[in-house]
Amino acid sequence: MISIKQINENDIDLCYELDSNTISLWSKKQWANEFKKDGTKIFGLLTRNVLIGICVFQVVLDEAQINYFVVNQRFRKKGFGSYLMSYLIKKCEKLNLNKLLLEVSQSNVIAEEFYSRFDFSTVGIRKNYYKDGSNALLKEKKFNNKIM
């Protein structure tokens, strides 16, 4: 059974553990800080009550920024990431947001292909942004909000 639930500070250890075993982006302190940011929502993707994916996004006015998105390597290429992204997009549409933003390493071809499937387009580049010297691609997905 697959489910998505909003997770909270009580799950910092689970978030840190999944991060450490995948992309090693944040320290435990950075995870704690994410839970304190205004407008930040953190969703966990679970199968059989085991956390296999995380999405952290922050809403600012009429936009949202994905700050973190990962699926455990053992569950990649099986539709779990698409399930989580589809959930996030529906959430943004319900919030009547105009766009969803993210950044991804230019060297992460698999992630870039993944985001392209969801109609994210490259709108900018941050040169030498990552520790390894790779550029960050700024991606954007616009929503066609209907005015009623």
Protein backbone atom coordinates (compact mmCIF):
# COMPACT_ATOMS: atom_id res chain seq x y z
CA MET A 1 0.00 0.00 0.00
CA ILE A 2 1.32 3.42 -1.00
CA SER A 3 0.41 6.53 0.96
CA ILE A 4 1.52 10.13 1.30
CA LYS A 5 1.27 12.00 4.56
CA GLN A 6 2.44 15.31 5.90
CA ILE A 7 5.29 14.68 8.27
CA ASN A 8 6.47 16.76 11.21
CA GLU A 9 9.39 17.37 13.56
CA ASN A 10 8.90 13.96 15.14
CA ASP A 11 10.12 12.45 11.86
CA ILE A 12 13.44 14.34 11.64
CA ASP A 13 15.43 11.16 12.27
CA LEU A 14 13.60 9.33 9.46
CA CYS A 15 14.15 12.27 7.08
CA TYR A 16 17.83 12.51 7.98
CA GLU A 17 18.30 8.75 7.58
CA LEU A 18 16.70 8.67 4.12
CA ASP A 19 18.70 11.74 3.08
CA SER A 20 21.95 10.21 4.36
CA ASN A 21 21.28 7.04 2.37
CA THR A 22 20.48 8.91 -0.86
CA ILE A 23 21.70 12.41 -1.74
CA SER A 24 23.19 13.52 1.62
CA LEU A 25 21.97 17.07 1.19
CA TRP A 26 21.17 18.26 4.72
CA SER A 27 22.48 17.83 8.25
CA LYS A 28 20.08 16.97 11.06
CA LYS A 29 20.12 20.64 12.10
CA GLN A 30 19.17 21.69 8.56
CA TRP A 31 16.28 19.25 8.64
CA ALA A 32 15.12 20.73 11.95
CA ASN A 33 15.26 24.21 10.42
CA GLU A 34 13.12 23.15 7.44
CA PHE A 35 10.28 22.21 9.78
CA LYS A 36 10.37 25.73 11.27
CA LYS A 37 10.16 27.72 8.01
CA ASP A 38 6.93 29.56 7.28
CA GLY A 39 4.96 28.08 4.41
CA THR A 40 7.05 24.89 4.31
CA LYS A 41 5.28 21.58 3.96
CA ILE A 42 7.02 18.22 4.15
CA PHE A 43 5.38 15.14 2.72
CA GLY A 44 6.51 11.58 3.11
CA LEU A 45 5.89 8.79 0.61
CA LEU A 46 5.34 5.51 2.41
CA THR A 47 4.91 1.93 1.39
CA ARG A 48 3.91 -0.54 4.09
CA ASN A 49 4.45 2.31 6.61
CA VAL A 50 8.13 2.66 5.61
CA LEU A 51 9.32 6.10 4.49
CA ILE A 52 10.70 5.74 0.95
CA GLY A 53 10.42 9.31 -0.35
CA ILE A 54 10.31 12.91 0.79
CA CYS A 55 9.20 16.15 -0.77
CA VAL A 56 9.86 19.48 0.93
CA PHE A 57 8.25 22.50 -0.63
CA GLN A 58 7.73 26.07 0.45
CA VAL A 59 4.83 28.26 -0.61
CA VAL A 60 5.53 31.98 -1.01
CA LEU A 61 2.56 34.05 -2.17
CA ASP A 62 1.41 32.45 -5.45
CA GLU A 63 4.47 30.23 -6.04
CA ALA A 64 6.02 27.13 -4.51
CA GLN A 65 9.66 26.06 -4.45
CA ILE A 66 10.69 22.42 -4.16
CA ASN A 67 13.59 22.48 -1.70
CA TYR A 68 14.06 18.72 -1.53
CA PHE A 69 12.75 15.75 -3.49
CA VAL A 70 14.06 12.19 -3.19
CA VAL A 71 13.01 8.57 -3.43
CA ASN A 72 15.01 5.74 -1.91
CA GLN A 73 17.22 4.19 -4.60
CA ARG A 74 15.66 0.73 -4.20
CA PHE A 75 12.27 2.20 -5.20
CA ARG A 76 13.36 4.31 -8.17
CA LYS A 77 12.17 3.64 -11.72
CA LYS A 78 9.03 2.00 -10.33
CA GLY A 79 6.66 4.99 -10.45
CA PHE A 80 7.02 6.11 -6.84
CA GLY A 81 8.67 9.42 -7.73
CA SER A 82 5.98 10.11 -10.32
CA TYR A 83 3.32 9.32 -7.74
CA LEU A 84 4.86 11.81 -5.29
CA MET A 85 5.34 14.51 -7.96
CA SER A 86 1.76 14.09 -9.21
CA TYR A 87 0.55 14.51 -5.65
CA LEU A 88 2.59 17.70 -5.25
CA ILE A 89 1.33 19.15 -8.53
CA LYS A 90 -2.30 18.48 -7.53
CA LYS A 91 -1.60 20.11 -4.17
CA CYS A 92 -0.21 23.22 -5.92
CA GLU A 93 -3.24 23.37 -8.21
CA LYS A 94 -5.60 23.15 -5.21
CA LEU A 95 -3.66 26.03 -3.62
CA ASN A 96 -4.22 27.96 -6.88
CA LEU A 97 -0.49 28.60 -7.32
CA ASN A 98 0.88 30.09 -10.55
CA LYS A 99 4.12 28.13 -10.69
CA LEU A 100 6.32 25.53 -9.09
CA LEU A 101 10.09 26.08 -9.03
CA LEU A 102 13.10 23.89 -8.35
CA GLU A 103 16.80 23.62 -9.06
CA VAL A 104 18.68 20.53 -10.18
CA SER A 105 22.28 19.82 -11.01
CA GLN A 106 22.98 20.00 -14.72
CA SER A 107 24.97 16.78 -14.32
CA ASN A 108 21.91 14.93 -12.92
CA VAL A 109 20.54 13.84 -16.29
CA ILE A 110 18.09 11.33 -14.79
CA ALA A 111 16.49 13.97 -12.56
CA GLU A 112 16.34 16.46 -15.39
CA GLU A 113 14.54 13.91 -17.59
CA PHE A 114 12.17 13.17 -14.70
CA TYR A 115 11.23 16.84 -14.27
CA SER A 116 10.82 17.30 -18.02
CA ARG A 117 8.12 14.62 -18.00
CA PHE A 118 6.14 16.92 -15.72
CA ASP A 119 6.56 19.94 -18.05
CA PHE A 120 9.25 21.73 -16.07
CA SER A 121 11.27 24.01 -18.32
CA THR A 122 14.71 25.51 -17.70
CA VAL A 123 14.44 29.23 -16.99
CA GLY A 124 17.95 29.97 -15.70
CA ILE A 125 21.36 28.65 -14.69
CA ARG A 126 23.45 29.20 -11.56
CA LYS A 127 27.07 28.67 -12.58
CA ASN A 128 29.26 26.44 -10.39
CA TYR A 129 26.49 26.21 -7.81
CA TYR A 130 27.16 22.76 -6.36
CA LYS A 131 30.16 21.55 -4.37
CA ASP A 132 31.38 19.51 -7.36
CA GLY A 133 31.39 22.66 -9.52
CA SER A 134 28.34 21.69 -11.56
CA ASN A 135 25.75 24.25 -12.57
CA ALA A 136 22.26 24.40 -11.12
CA LEU A 137 19.45 24.48 -13.64
CA LEU A 138 16.51 26.59 -12.47
CA LYS A 139 13.32 24.83 -13.51
CA GLU A 140 9.76 26.08 -13.57
CA LYS A 141 6.35 24.54 -14.10
CA LYS A 142 3.56 27.01 -14.80
CA PHE A 143 -0.03 26.27 -13.92
CA ASN A 144 -2.96 27.33 -16.04
CA ASN A 145 -5.21 28.61 -13.29
CA LYS A 146 -8.71 29.31 -14.48
CA ILE A 147 -10.30 32.47 -13.15
CA MET A 148 -13.84 31.83 -12.05
